[in-house]
Amino acid sequence: MNIKKYKNLKKIGNVTTPFNGQTKDEAVHPGLDIANKTGTPIPALANGTVVAEGPVDNGMGNVVTLKDDQGNTHTYSHLSQFSVKPGTRVKKGQTIAKMGKSGNSYSPSGGDPSHLDVRISDAYGRWIDPMLYF
């Protein structure tokens, strides 16, 4: 991956699991994992409306879910804090949360497991590569 092409991604952190990569729990990871320090600001990847925020009981920890203007659903997981509430209208680049290690979080290198797992699906439930939004 040519990281210079993705300047906004570098501000968030380093990719530890690419879209459709493999994790210890998933043969095919339908998201993008980006590692950095707990508290790193997480920007919205598109204009849209927050449809949910809070802890979920599926291993993803604290989550913010955004519906973008094209009808795609963005899920940002393993967060430490939220900056938005359901119903909030956000703009691309606006901080919506802070990176963390909530839920089932681990580090492939054995270090601090703080990271963002971002997954995007279209209206038909098909996964979209988050790199397309950087």
N, C-alpha and C. Protein backbone atom coordinates (compact mmCIF):
# COMPACT_ATOMS: atom_id res chain seq x y z
N MET A 1 0.86 -1.17 0.00
CA MET A 1 0.00 0.00 0.00
C MET A 1 0.90 1.23 0.00
N ASN A 2 0.62 2.19 -0.87
CA ASN A 2 1.37 3.44 -0.91
C ASN A 2 0.77 4.39 0.12
N ILE A 3 1.38 4.45 1.30
CA ILE A 3 0.82 5.23 2.41
C ILE A 3 0.85 6.73 2.12
N LYS A 4 1.78 7.21 1.29
CA LYS A 4 1.84 8.63 0.96
C LYS A 4 0.55 9.08 0.31
N LYS A 5 -0.08 8.20 -0.42
CA LYS A 5 -1.34 8.51 -1.08
C LYS A 5 -2.46 8.76 -0.07
N TYR A 6 -2.33 8.19 1.12
CA TYR A 6 -3.38 8.25 2.13
C TYR A 6 -2.93 9.09 3.32
N LYS A 7 -2.72 10.40 3.11
CA LYS A 7 -2.23 11.28 4.17
C LYS A 7 -3.14 11.28 5.38
N ASN A 8 -4.46 11.28 5.18
CA ASN A 8 -5.41 11.30 6.30
C ASN A 8 -5.31 10.03 7.14
N LEU A 9 -5.00 8.91 6.51
CA LEU A 9 -4.85 7.65 7.23
C LEU A 9 -3.65 7.72 8.16
N LYS A 10 -2.56 8.27 7.69
CA LYS A 10 -1.34 8.35 8.49
C LYS A 10 -1.57 9.17 9.76
N LYS A 11 -2.47 10.16 9.71
CA LYS A 11 -2.78 10.97 10.89
C LYS A 11 -3.50 10.13 11.96
N ILE A 12 -4.23 9.11 11.54
CA ILE A 12 -4.96 8.27 12.47
C ILE A 12 -4.05 7.20 13.07
N GLY A 13 -3.22 6.58 12.25
CA GLY A 13 -2.34 5.54 12.75
C GLY A 13 -1.83 4.64 11.65
N ASN A 14 -1.38 3.46 12.04
CA ASN A 14 -0.82 2.49 11.09
C ASN A 14 -1.77 1.31 10.91
N VAL A 15 -1.93 0.90 9.66
CA VAL A 15 -2.79 -0.25 9.36
C VAL A 15 -2.13 -1.51 9.90
N THR A 16 -2.88 -2.25 10.72
CA THR A 16 -2.37 -3.53 11.24
C THR A 16 -3.08 -4.71 10.59
N THR A 17 -4.31 -4.50 10.13
CA THR A 17 -5.04 -5.53 9.38
C THR A 17 -5.74 -4.83 8.22
N PRO A 18 -5.39 -5.17 6.98
CA PRO A 18 -6.04 -4.55 5.84
C PRO A 18 -7.44 -5.12 5.60
N PHE A 19 -8.22 -4.44 4.78
CA PHE A 19 -9.54 -4.92 4.37
C PHE A 19 -9.37 -6.31 3.76
N ASN A 20 -10.21 -7.25 4.17
CA ASN A 20 -10.18 -8.65 3.75
C ASN A 20 -8.93 -9.40 4.20
N GLY A 21 -8.21 -8.81 5.17
CA GLY A 21 -7.08 -9.51 5.75
C GLY A 21 -7.58 -10.56 6.73
N GLN A 22 -6.68 -11.09 7.53
CA GLN A 22 -7.03 -12.15 8.47
C GLN A 22 -6.65 -11.72 9.88
N THR A 23 -7.51 -12.04 10.86
CA THR A 23 -7.21 -11.82 12.26
C THR A 23 -7.24 -13.17 12.97
N LYS A 24 -6.92 -13.16 14.27
CA LYS A 24 -6.95 -14.44 15.00
C LYS A 24 -8.38 -14.98 15.11
N ASP A 25 -9.40 -14.10 14.98
CA ASP A 25 -10.79 -14.54 15.10
C ASP A 25 -11.55 -14.59 13.78
N GLU A 26 -10.98 -14.02 12.72
CA GLU A 26 -11.69 -13.96 11.43
C GLU A 26 -10.77 -14.38 10.29
N ALA A 27 -11.22 -15.35 9.51
CA ALA A 27 -10.46 -15.77 8.33
C ALA A 27 -10.44 -14.65 7.29
N VAL A 28 -11.55 -13.90 7.22
CA VAL A 28 -11.64 -12.73 6.34
C VAL A 28 -12.19 -11.57 7.17
N HIS A 29 -11.35 -10.57 7.37
CA HIS A 29 -11.72 -9.39 8.18
C HIS A 29 -12.36 -8.35 7.25
N PRO A 30 -13.66 -8.07 7.41
CA PRO A 30 -14.35 -7.17 6.48
C PRO A 30 -14.14 -5.68 6.78
N GLY A 31 -13.15 -5.38 7.60
CA GLY A 31 -12.88 -4.00 7.96
C GLY A 31 -11.42 -3.67 7.80
N LEU A 32 -11.04 -2.57 8.40
CA LEU A 32 -9.67 -2.07 8.38
C LEU A 32 -9.29 -1.79 9.83
N ASP A 33 -8.19 -2.35 10.30
CA ASP A 33 -7.70 -2.08 11.65
C ASP A 33 -6.55 -1.09 11.57
N ILE A 34 -6.65 -0.03 12.38
CA ILE A 34 -5.63 1.02 12.41
C ILE A 34 -5.21 1.20 13.86
N ALA A 35 -3.92 1.03 14.14
CA ALA A 35 -3.42 1.10 15.52
C ALA A 35 -2.80 2.46 15.81
N ASN A 36 -3.02 2.93 17.05
CA ASN A 36 -2.39 4.14 17.56
C ASN A 36 -2.68 4.19 19.06
N LYS A 37 -2.30 5.28 19.70
CA LYS A 37 -2.48 5.44 21.14
C LYS A 37 -3.96 5.62 21.49
N THR A 38 -4.34 5.13 22.65
CA THR A 38 -5.67 5.41 23.19
C THR A 38 -5.85 6.92 23.25
N GLY A 39 -7.01 7.39 22.79
CA GLY A 39 -7.29 8.81 22.79
C GLY A 39 -7.04 9.50 21.47
N THR A 40 -6.47 8.79 20.49
CA THR A 40 -6.26 9.38 19.16
C THR A 40 -7.62 9.75 18.57
N PRO A 41 -7.80 10.99 18.08
CA PRO A 41 -9.09 11.39 17.50
C PRO A 41 -9.43 10.58 16.25
N ILE A 42 -10.70 10.18 16.15
CA ILE A 42 -11.20 9.42 15.01
C ILE A 42 -12.14 10.32 14.21
N PRO A 43 -11.83 10.58 12.93
CA PRO A 43 -12.70 11.42 12.11
C PRO A 43 -13.77 10.60 11.39
N ALA A 44 -14.89 11.25 11.11
CA ALA A 44 -15.89 10.64 10.23
C ALA A 44 -15.27 10.52 8.85
N LEU A 45 -15.48 9.41 8.18
CA LEU A 45 -14.92 9.21 6.85
C LEU A 45 -15.83 9.74 5.75
N ALA A 46 -17.02 10.22 6.12
CA ALA A 46 -17.97 10.76 5.14
C ALA A 46 -18.97 11.66 5.85
N ASN A 47 -19.66 12.49 5.10
CA ASN A 47 -20.79 13.25 5.64
C ASN A 47 -21.91 12.27 5.95
N GLY A 48 -22.62 12.49 7.04
CA GLY A 48 -23.73 11.60 7.36
C GLY A 48 -24.35 11.92 8.70
N THR A 49 -25.13 10.97 9.19
CA THR A 49 -25.84 11.12 10.45
C THR A 49 -25.50 9.94 11.36
N VAL A 50 -25.21 10.26 12.62
CA VAL A 50 -24.92 9.22 13.61
C VAL A 50 -26.24 8.51 13.92
N VAL A 51 -26.24 7.18 13.80
CA VAL A 51 -27.45 6.42 14.08
C VAL A 51 -27.37 5.65 15.40
N ALA A 52 -26.14 5.48 15.92
CA ALA A 52 -25.99 4.78 17.21
C ALA A 52 -24.62 5.08 17.79
N GLU A 53 -24.54 5.01 19.12
CA GLU A 53 -23.27 5.07 19.83
C GLU A 53 -23.45 4.35 21.15
N GLY A 54 -22.39 3.71 21.59
CA GLY A 54 -22.45 3.04 22.86
C GLY A 54 -21.79 1.68 22.80
N PRO A 55 -21.77 0.98 23.93
CA PRO A 55 -21.17 -0.35 23.96
C PRO A 55 -22.10 -1.38 23.31
N VAL A 56 -21.50 -2.33 22.62
CA VAL A 56 -22.25 -3.45 22.04
C VAL A 56 -21.66 -4.74 22.58
N ASP A 57 -22.46 -5.78 22.63
CA ASP A 57 -22.05 -7.04 23.24
C ASP A 57 -21.68 -8.07 22.18
N ASN A 58 -20.84 -7.67 21.22
CA ASN A 58 -20.43 -8.60 20.18
C ASN A 58 -18.91 -8.63 20.01
N GLY A 59 -18.20 -8.12 21.01
CA GLY A 59 -16.74 -8.09 20.96
C GLY A 59 -16.17 -6.81 20.39
N MET A 60 -17.02 -5.94 19.85
CA MET A 60 -16.54 -4.71 19.22
C MET A 60 -16.39 -3.56 20.22
N GLY A 61 -16.83 -3.76 21.45
CA GLY A 61 -16.67 -2.74 22.48
C GLY A 61 -17.54 -1.52 22.24
N ASN A 62 -16.97 -0.34 22.48
CA ASN A 62 -17.69 0.91 22.27
C ASN A 62 -17.68 1.24 20.78
N VAL A 63 -18.86 1.57 20.26
CA VAL A 63 -19.04 1.72 18.81
C VAL A 63 -19.81 3.00 18.49
N VAL A 64 -19.42 3.65 17.39
CA VAL A 64 -20.22 4.71 16.77
C VAL A 64 -20.61 4.22 15.39
N THR A 65 -21.90 4.34 15.06
CA THR A 65 -22.38 3.94 13.74
C THR A 65 -22.94 5.16 13.04
N LEU A 66 -22.49 5.34 11.81
CA LEU A 66 -22.85 6.50 10.99
C LEU A 66 -23.47 6.01 9.69
N LYS A 67 -24.56 6.63 9.28
CA LYS A 67 -25.17 6.37 7.96
C LYS A 67 -24.76 7.54 7.07
N ASP A 68 -24.00 7.26 5.99
CA ASP A 68 -23.54 8.36 5.14
C ASP A 68 -24.62 8.78 4.14
N ASP A 69 -24.35 9.84 3.40
CA ASP A 69 -25.34 10.42 2.49
C ASP A 69 -25.67 9.51 1.31
N GLN A 70 -24.86 8.48 1.07
CA GLN A 70 -25.13 7.51 0.01
C GLN A 70 -25.86 6.27 0.54
N GLY A 71 -26.15 6.25 1.84
CA GLY A 71 -26.87 5.13 2.44
C GLY A 71 -25.97 4.03 2.97
N ASN A 72 -24.65 4.23 2.95
CA ASN A 72 -23.71 3.23 3.48
C ASN A 72 -23.60 3.38 5.00
N THR A 73 -23.36 2.28 5.68
CA THR A 73 -23.24 2.26 7.13
C THR A 73 -21.77 2.11 7.52
N HIS A 74 -21.28 3.05 8.32
CA HIS A 74 -19.90 3.05 8.81
C HIS A 74 -19.93 2.69 10.29
N THR A 75 -19.18 1.67 10.69
CA THR A 75 -19.10 1.28 12.09
C THR A 75 -17.67 1.43 12.56
N TYR A 76 -17.48 2.25 13.59
CA TYR A 76 -16.18 2.54 14.18
C TYR A 76 -16.16 1.86 15.55
N SER A 77 -15.21 0.94 15.78
CA SER A 77 -15.25 0.10 16.98
C SER A 77 -13.99 0.20 17.84
N HIS A 78 -14.12 -0.33 19.07
CA HIS A 78 -13.06 -0.40 20.09
C HIS A 78 -12.71 0.98 20.64
N LEU A 79 -13.67 1.88 20.68
CA LEU A 79 -13.45 3.27 21.05
C LEU A 79 -13.31 3.46 22.56
N SER A 80 -12.61 4.55 22.94
CA SER A 80 -12.49 4.87 24.36
C SER A 80 -13.49 5.95 24.77
N GLN A 81 -13.86 6.84 23.83
CA GLN A 81 -14.81 7.93 24.13
C GLN A 81 -15.62 8.24 22.88
N PHE A 82 -16.79 8.85 23.10
CA PHE A 82 -17.64 9.31 22.00
C PHE A 82 -17.67 10.83 21.99
N SER A 83 -17.73 11.41 20.79
CA SER A 83 -17.85 12.87 20.66
C SER A 83 -19.18 13.26 20.05
N VAL A 84 -20.02 12.27 19.73
CA VAL A 84 -21.30 12.52 19.05
C VAL A 84 -22.39 11.65 19.68
N LYS A 85 -23.62 12.04 19.43
CA LYS A 85 -24.80 11.31 19.91
C LYS A 85 -25.65 10.92 18.71
N PRO A 86 -26.51 9.91 18.84
CA PRO A 86 -27.42 9.56 17.75
C PRO A 86 -28.23 10.79 17.32
N GLY A 87 -28.36 10.93 16.01
CA GLY A 87 -29.08 12.05 15.43
C GLY A 87 -28.18 13.20 15.03
N THR A 88 -26.92 13.18 15.49
CA THR A 88 -25.97 14.23 15.14
C THR A 88 -25.60 14.15 13.67
N ARG A 89 -25.66 15.28 13.00
CA ARG A 89 -25.22 15.38 11.61
C ARG A 89 -23.72 15.71 11.64
N VAL A 90 -22.89 14.92 10.93
CA VAL A 90 -21.45 15.14 10.94
C VAL A 90 -20.93 15.36 9.52
N LYS A 91 -19.78 16.02 9.46
CA LYS A 91 -19.10 16.26 8.19
C LYS A 91 -17.85 15.40 8.12
N LYS A 92 -17.47 15.03 6.93
CA LYS A 92 -16.24 14.27 6.74
C LYS A 92 -15.09 15.00 7.42
N GLY A 93 -14.31 14.27 8.20
CA GLY A 93 -13.17 14.83 8.90
C GLY A 93 -13.46 15.29 10.32
N GLN A 94 -14.73 15.43 10.67
CA GLN A 94 -15.12 15.85 12.02
C GLN A 94 -14.80 14.73 13.00
N THR A 95 -14.24 15.07 14.16
CA THR A 95 -13.95 14.07 15.18
C THR A 95 -15.26 13.53 15.75
N ILE A 96 -15.40 12.20 15.72
CA ILE A 96 -16.62 11.57 16.24
C ILE A 96 -16.35 10.73 17.49
N ALA A 97 -15.07 10.38 17.71
CA ALA A 97 -14.75 9.51 18.85
C ALA A 97 -13.24 9.53 19.07
N LYS A 98 -12.82 8.75 20.08
CA LYS A 98 -11.39 8.58 20.37
C LYS A 98 -11.06 7.09 20.36
N MET A 99 -9.89 6.79 19.83
CA MET A 99 -9.43 5.41 19.71
C MET A 99 -9.27 4.79 21.09
N GLY A 100 -9.49 3.47 21.16
CA GLY A 100 -9.35 2.78 22.43
C GLY A 100 -9.08 1.30 22.25
N LYS A 101 -9.40 0.55 23.30
CA LYS A 101 -9.18 -0.90 23.29
C LYS A 101 -10.33 -1.63 23.97
N SER A 102 -11.54 -1.07 23.82
CA SER A 102 -12.72 -1.70 24.42
C SER A 102 -13.10 -2.95 23.63
N GLY A 103 -13.84 -3.83 24.26
CA GLY A 103 -14.26 -5.07 23.60
C GLY A 103 -13.12 -6.06 23.52
N ASN A 104 -13.21 -6.97 22.55
CA ASN A 104 -12.16 -7.97 22.33
C ASN A 104 -11.08 -7.33 21.47
N SER A 105 -10.05 -6.83 22.10
CA SER A 105 -9.00 -6.10 21.40
C SER A 105 -7.66 -6.74 21.72
N TYR A 106 -6.85 -6.93 20.70
CA TYR A 106 -5.51 -7.49 20.89
C TYR A 106 -4.57 -6.84 19.87
N SER A 107 -3.29 -6.96 20.12
CA SER A 107 -2.28 -6.43 19.21
C SER A 107 -1.58 -7.59 18.52
N PRO A 108 -1.50 -7.58 17.18
CA PRO A 108 -0.79 -8.65 16.48
C PRO A 108 0.68 -8.74 16.89
N SER A 109 1.25 -7.62 17.36
CA SER A 109 2.66 -7.62 17.75
C SER A 109 2.85 -7.89 19.24
N GLY A 110 1.74 -8.00 19.99
CA GLY A 110 1.82 -8.25 21.41
C GLY A 110 1.92 -6.99 22.26
N GLY A 111 1.86 -5.82 21.63
CA GLY A 111 1.94 -4.55 22.37
C GLY A 111 0.58 -4.07 22.81
N ASP A 112 0.46 -2.76 22.98
CA ASP A 112 -0.80 -2.13 23.38
C ASP A 112 -1.85 -2.40 22.31
N PRO A 113 -3.01 -2.95 22.68
CA PRO A 113 -4.03 -3.31 21.68
C PRO A 113 -4.93 -2.15 21.22
N SER A 114 -4.62 -0.90 21.59
CA SER A 114 -5.46 0.23 21.19
C SER A 114 -5.48 0.35 19.67
N HIS A 115 -6.70 0.36 19.11
CA HIS A 115 -6.84 0.49 17.66
C HIS A 115 -8.27 0.85 17.29
N LEU A 116 -8.46 1.18 16.03
CA LEU A 116 -9.77 1.42 15.44
C LEU A 116 -10.05 0.29 14.47
N ASP A 117 -11.23 -0.28 14.54
CA ASP A 117 -11.72 -1.23 13.53
C ASP A 117 -12.86 -0.49 12.84
N VAL A 118 -12.68 -0.16 11.57
CA VAL A 118 -13.74 0.53 10.82
C VAL A 118 -14.24 -0.41 9.73
N ARG A 119 -15.57 -0.56 9.68
CA ARG A 119 -16.23 -1.42 8.70
C ARG A 119 -17.33 -0.61 8.01
N ILE A 120 -17.42 -0.75 6.71
CA ILE A 120 -18.42 -0.02 5.93
C ILE A 120 -19.18 -1.01 5.08
N SER A 121 -20.52 -0.91 5.13
CA SER A 121 -21.34 -1.79 4.29
C SER A 121 -22.35 -0.93 3.52
N ASP A 122 -22.74 -1.42 2.35
CA ASP A 122 -23.73 -0.69 1.57
C ASP A 122 -25.14 -1.10 2.00
N ALA A 123 -26.13 -0.55 1.35
CA ALA A 123 -27.54 -0.80 1.72
C ALA A 123 -27.92 -2.27 1.57
N TYR A 124 -27.14 -3.04 0.81
CA TYR A 124 -27.44 -4.46 0.59
C TYR A 124 -26.60 -5.36 1.49
N GLY A 125 -25.83 -4.76 2.40
CA GLY A 125 -25.01 -5.54 3.33
C GLY A 125 -23.67 -5.99 2.76
N ARG A 126 -23.30 -5.48 1.58
CA ARG A 126 -22.00 -5.84 1.00
C ARG A 126 -20.92 -4.95 1.61
N TRP A 127 -19.78 -5.56 1.93
CA TRP A 127 -18.68 -4.83 2.55
C TRP A 127 -17.97 -3.95 1.52
N ILE A 128 -17.56 -2.76 1.96
CA ILE A 128 -16.84 -1.80 1.14
C ILE A 128 -15.48 -1.57 1.78
N ASP A 129 -14.43 -1.49 0.97
CA ASP A 129 -13.08 -1.24 1.47
C ASP A 129 -13.01 0.19 2.04
N PRO A 130 -12.76 0.34 3.35
CA PRO A 130 -12.67 1.69 3.94
C PRO A 130 -11.58 2.56 3.32
N MET A 131 -10.55 1.95 2.72
CA MET A 131 -9.48 2.73 2.10
C MET A 131 -10.03 3.65 1.01
N LEU A 132 -11.16 3.31 0.44
CA LEU A 132 -11.76 4.15 -0.60
C LEU A 132 -12.18 5.51 -0.06
N TYR A 133 -12.31 5.63 1.26
CA TYR A 133 -12.75 6.87 1.90
C TYR A 133 -11.60 7.75 2.37
N PHE A 134 -10.37 7.28 2.23
CA PHE A 134 -9.22 8.09 2.68
C PHE A 134 -8.65 8.91 1.54
